[in-house]
Amino acid sequence: MGFFDFIGDLEQYSEHKRPEMRMNRRHKFLIDDNIDDLQGARVLDLAAHDGRWSYAMAAAGASKVVGIEGRADLVKRFENYPDAAIRDKVELRVDDVFLGLDKAYAAEEYYDVIAVFGLLYHLMDHYRLLVAIRKLDPEVVIIDSEFCLAGWPMVKLIKEDTENILNATAYYEGQKEVMKGIPSFSAMEKMAETLDYNIQWSDWNSLAEDDRHGVSDYYRPENIRRGTCVLTPK
């Protein structure tokens, strides 16, 4: 049994094969391992997709979750989530992530926790994003992303199809492909260091091998591997 057991019954996941398995295993590292920081917290969820992680953080004890998502059709799907009391703690905004961060800063909004799930490796300007987050002065930043396995600070450039809803959004109307950059683990650490953040990597190897179905991207032996880290101010 897991939090996301219901997700396979939602229409927007009907074409996915056992989405609850992957989501539940990620929930352990993204939500359960940060449960204390989420209690009573104001949370900002960047690139919120259909609000799935906003919903999970609200259910985990956050007092308020604001999600920013660039695709209005994805935000509309949030109304399909089952618990109205949990949904009521979530506000989803349709906006560009960078513009949304600038607006939050200008409005002097405060967030205890900022979640960056599945976003960092769809960008070209990672440092700009982290600086904008740092200006909001959160106590905790949780990042889940793909990273290069190179042993030095670098960013791998890859083209990406904007018509896939799991990919980056277009920068202008009609753009079919964009460039994205996948930072190395070392690059993530260097960026955190220059922004006066401590960084703690989640130990995905603590998950038993028999329980790794659906999350194989966290265990790739070469080139690119997904990982999770938590940043806290020094």
Protein backbone atom coordinates (compact mmCIF):
# COMPACT_ATOMS: atom_id res chain seq x y z
CA MET A 1 0.00 0.00 0.00
CA GLY A 2 1.26 3.48 -0.82
CA PHE A 3 0.06 7.07 -1.08
CA PHE A 4 -0.26 7.05 -4.86
CA ASP A 5 -2.20 3.77 -5.12
CA PHE A 6 -5.15 5.76 -6.50
CA ILE A 7 -3.27 7.37 -9.36
CA GLY A 8 -3.73 4.51 -11.80
CA ASP A 9 -7.49 5.15 -11.65
CA LEU A 10 -7.13 8.73 -12.91
CA GLU A 11 -7.92 9.23 -16.57
CA GLN A 12 -4.74 11.23 -17.20
CA TYR A 13 -2.67 8.17 -16.25
CA SER A 14 -4.70 5.60 -18.16
CA GLU A 15 -1.97 5.14 -20.76
CA HIS A 16 0.77 4.64 -18.17
CA LYS A 17 1.78 1.16 -17.05
CA ARG A 18 1.41 0.88 -13.27
CA PRO A 19 2.20 4.55 -12.56
CA GLU A 20 1.45 4.02 -8.86
CA MET A 21 4.50 1.77 -8.49
CA ARG A 22 6.95 4.44 -9.67
CA MET A 23 5.19 7.26 -7.85
CA ASN A 24 5.08 5.37 -4.54
CA ARG A 25 8.77 4.55 -4.68
CA ARG A 26 9.66 8.15 -5.45
CA HIS A 27 7.28 9.30 -2.68
CA LYS A 28 9.50 7.59 -0.13
CA PHE A 29 12.54 9.70 -1.04
CA LEU A 30 10.84 12.95 -2.08
CA ILE A 31 8.13 13.15 0.58
CA ASP A 32 8.60 10.65 3.42
CA ASP A 33 12.29 11.47 3.89
CA ASN A 34 11.39 15.18 4.20
CA ILE A 35 8.22 14.77 6.23
CA ASP A 36 9.45 16.82 9.20
CA ASP A 37 10.26 19.82 6.99
CA LEU A 38 6.82 19.65 5.37
CA GLN A 39 4.82 19.82 8.59
CA GLY A 40 2.92 23.12 8.61
CA ALA A 41 5.15 24.44 5.83
CA ARG A 42 4.38 26.82 3.01
CA VAL A 43 5.65 25.06 -0.11
CA LEU A 44 6.40 26.23 -3.64
CA ASP A 45 6.28 23.45 -6.25
CA LEU A 46 8.04 24.40 -9.50
CA ALA A 47 6.89 22.82 -12.78
CA ALA A 48 4.00 21.24 -10.90
CA HIS A 49 2.67 19.22 -13.88
CA ASP A 50 -0.89 18.14 -12.95
CA GLY A 51 -0.31 18.92 -9.27
CA ARG A 52 0.58 15.37 -8.23
CA TRP A 53 3.47 16.34 -5.97
CA SER A 54 1.67 19.46 -4.74
CA TYR A 55 -1.15 17.14 -3.70
CA ALA A 56 1.28 14.74 -2.02
CA MET A 57 3.00 17.51 -0.06
CA ALA A 58 -0.34 18.92 1.07
CA ALA A 59 -1.37 15.45 2.23
CA ALA A 60 1.95 15.07 4.05
CA GLY A 61 1.22 18.06 6.29
CA ALA A 62 2.07 21.23 4.37
CA SER A 63 -0.25 24.09 5.32
CA LYS A 64 -0.22 25.60 1.82
CA VAL A 65 1.27 24.52 -1.50
CA VAL A 66 1.60 26.85 -4.46
CA GLY A 67 2.45 25.14 -7.74
CA ILE A 68 3.68 26.85 -10.90
CA GLU A 69 3.08 25.08 -14.21
CA GLY A 70 3.36 26.41 -17.75
CA ARG A 71 0.78 24.13 -19.38
CA ALA A 72 -2.81 25.12 -18.56
CA ASP A 73 -4.21 21.79 -19.74
CA LEU A 74 -2.13 19.97 -17.13
CA VAL A 75 -3.29 22.30 -14.36
CA LYS A 76 -6.91 21.58 -15.34
CA ARG A 77 -6.35 17.90 -14.58
CA PHE A 78 -5.75 18.64 -10.90
CA GLU A 79 -9.49 18.71 -10.29
CA ASN A 80 -9.49 14.93 -10.83
CA TYR A 81 -7.55 14.28 -7.64
CA PRO A 82 -9.83 12.58 -5.11
CA ASP A 83 -9.62 14.38 -1.76
CA ALA A 84 -11.20 17.85 -1.80
CA ALA A 85 -9.73 18.79 1.61
CA ILE A 86 -6.22 18.15 0.29
CA ARG A 87 -6.92 19.95 -2.98
CA ASP A 88 -8.11 22.99 -1.05
CA LYS A 89 -4.59 23.46 0.36
CA VAL A 90 -3.14 23.67 -3.15
CA GLU A 91 -3.07 26.68 -5.48
CA LEU A 92 -1.83 26.00 -9.01
CA ARG A 93 -0.71 28.95 -11.12
CA VAL A 94 -0.30 28.82 -14.88
CA ASP A 95 2.93 30.66 -15.56
CA ASP A 96 6.50 30.38 -16.75
CA VAL A 97 8.62 29.14 -13.84
CA PHE A 98 11.07 32.04 -14.00
CA LEU A 99 8.33 34.66 -14.29
CA GLY A 100 6.46 32.96 -11.46
CA LEU A 101 9.53 33.09 -9.22
CA ASP A 102 10.08 36.77 -10.04
CA LYS A 103 6.44 37.53 -9.22
CA ALA A 104 6.66 35.64 -5.93
CA TYR A 105 9.77 37.61 -4.98
CA ALA A 106 8.19 40.94 -5.97
CA ALA A 107 5.11 40.10 -3.89
CA GLU A 108 7.37 39.22 -0.93
CA GLU A 109 5.92 35.74 -0.72
CA TYR A 110 7.58 33.40 1.77
CA TYR A 111 8.09 29.65 1.41
CA ASP A 112 9.64 27.25 3.89
CA VAL A 113 10.21 24.56 1.26
CA ILE A 114 10.72 24.78 -2.50
CA ALA A 115 10.36 21.61 -4.56
CA VAL A 116 12.14 21.21 -7.90
CA PHE A 117 10.97 17.82 -9.12
CA GLY A 118 11.69 16.80 -12.72
CA LEU A 119 12.55 20.33 -13.83
CA LEU A 120 16.28 21.00 -13.56
CA TYR A 121 17.33 18.76 -16.45
CA HIS A 122 14.79 20.38 -18.81
CA LEU A 123 16.51 23.78 -18.57
CA MET A 124 19.50 25.59 -20.01
CA ASP A 125 19.80 28.17 -17.22
CA HIS A 126 20.07 26.09 -14.04
CA TYR A 127 22.03 28.68 -12.14
CA ARG A 128 19.49 31.39 -12.88
CA LEU A 129 16.80 29.14 -11.42
CA LEU A 130 18.79 28.41 -8.28
CA VAL A 131 19.59 32.09 -7.77
CA ALA A 132 15.89 32.97 -8.07
CA ILE A 133 15.11 30.27 -5.51
CA ARG A 134 17.86 31.53 -3.19
CA LYS A 135 16.39 35.05 -3.27
CA LEU A 136 13.16 33.67 -1.78
CA ASP A 137 15.23 32.40 1.18
CA PRO A 138 13.57 29.01 1.77
CA GLU A 139 14.74 26.79 4.61
CA VAL A 140 14.80 23.69 2.41
CA VAL A 141 15.09 23.07 -1.35
CA ILE A 142 14.35 19.53 -2.57
CA ILE A 143 15.63 18.68 -6.05
CA ASP A 144 14.91 15.55 -8.06
CA SER A 145 16.55 15.49 -11.47
CA GLU A 146 18.63 13.61 -13.96
CA PHE A 147 22.38 14.21 -13.64
CA CYS A 148 25.41 13.30 -15.73
CA LEU A 149 27.81 10.78 -14.25
CA ALA A 150 30.89 12.72 -15.38
CA GLY A 151 33.31 13.23 -12.52
CA TRP A 152 33.72 16.94 -13.15
CA PRO A 153 31.36 19.97 -13.25
CA MET A 154 29.71 20.01 -16.68
CA VAL A 155 26.39 20.32 -18.49
CA LYS A 156 25.42 17.90 -21.27
CA LEU A 157 23.34 19.52 -24.02
CA ILE A 158 20.49 17.57 -25.60
CA LYS A 159 17.60 18.46 -27.96
CA GLU A 160 14.10 17.81 -26.66
CA ASP A 161 10.64 17.56 -28.24
CA THR A 162 8.27 20.18 -26.78
CA GLU A 163 5.13 18.25 -27.79
CA ASN A 164 5.79 15.67 -25.08
CA ILE A 165 4.12 16.93 -21.90
CA LEU A 166 6.95 15.48 -19.81
CA ASN A 167 9.49 17.66 -21.62
CA ALA A 168 10.37 21.34 -21.64
CA THR A 169 7.86 23.89 -22.90
CA ALA A 170 8.46 25.91 -26.05
CA TYR A 171 10.10 29.34 -25.74
CA TYR A 172 8.00 30.73 -28.58
CA GLU A 173 4.80 29.67 -30.33
CA GLY A 174 5.32 26.76 -32.69
CA GLN A 175 8.76 25.76 -31.43
CA LYS A 176 9.04 21.98 -31.84
CA GLU A 177 12.45 21.39 -30.26
CA VAL A 178 14.41 23.10 -27.52
CA MET A 179 17.88 22.65 -26.07
CA LYS A 180 18.16 21.41 -22.53
CA GLY A 181 21.15 20.89 -20.29
CA ILE A 182 21.72 18.01 -17.90
CA PRO A 183 24.18 19.02 -15.16
CA SER A 184 26.59 16.55 -13.65
CA PHE A 185 26.34 15.61 -9.98
CA SER A 186 29.53 17.60 -9.46
CA ALA A 187 28.05 20.66 -11.20
CA MET A 188 25.05 20.51 -8.87
CA GLU A 189 27.39 20.46 -5.89
CA LYS A 190 29.43 23.41 -7.21
CA MET A 191 26.29 25.48 -7.85
CA ALA A 192 25.03 24.73 -4.35
CA GLU A 193 28.41 25.65 -2.86
CA THR A 194 28.53 29.08 -4.51
CA LEU A 195 25.01 29.83 -3.27
CA ASP A 196 25.99 28.96 0.32
CA TYR A 197 23.91 25.80 0.44
CA ASN A 198 24.72 22.56 2.16
CA ILE A 199 23.81 19.61 -0.07
CA GLN A 200 22.71 16.16 1.03
CA TRP A 201 22.15 13.41 -1.53
CA SER A 202 19.43 10.82 -0.96
CA ASP A 203 20.67 7.25 -0.72
CA TRP A 204 18.69 5.50 -3.45
CA ASN A 205 20.91 2.46 -2.95
CA SER A 206 19.06 1.90 0.33
CA LEU A 207 16.11 0.65 -1.72
CA ALA A 208 16.28 -3.13 -2.00
CA GLU A 209 17.05 -4.40 -5.49
CA ASP A 210 13.73 -6.29 -5.61
CA ASP A 211 11.90 -2.98 -5.05
CA ARG A 212 13.52 -1.04 -7.88
CA HIS A 213 11.01 -1.85 -10.61
CA GLY A 214 9.71 1.35 -12.18
CA VAL A 215 12.63 3.50 -10.97
CA SER A 216 15.49 2.05 -13.01
CA ASP A 217 16.56 5.57 -14.06
CA TYR A 218 17.91 6.07 -10.52
CA TYR A 219 20.31 3.16 -11.06
CA ARG A 220 21.69 3.66 -14.56
CA PRO A 221 25.36 2.59 -14.56
CA GLU A 222 26.49 4.97 -17.32
CA ASN A 223 26.06 8.47 -18.76
CA ILE A 224 22.97 9.83 -16.98
CA ARG A 225 21.32 8.84 -13.71
CA ARG A 226 18.44 10.35 -11.78
CA GLY A 227 19.11 11.55 -8.25
CA THR A 228 17.59 13.46 -5.35
CA CYS A 229 19.22 16.05 -3.10
CA VAL A 230 18.24 18.48 -0.36
CA LEU A 231 19.75 21.96 -0.09
CA THR A 232 19.79 23.90 3.18
CA PRO A 233 21.38 27.31 3.83
CA LYS A 234 24.78 27.25 5.55
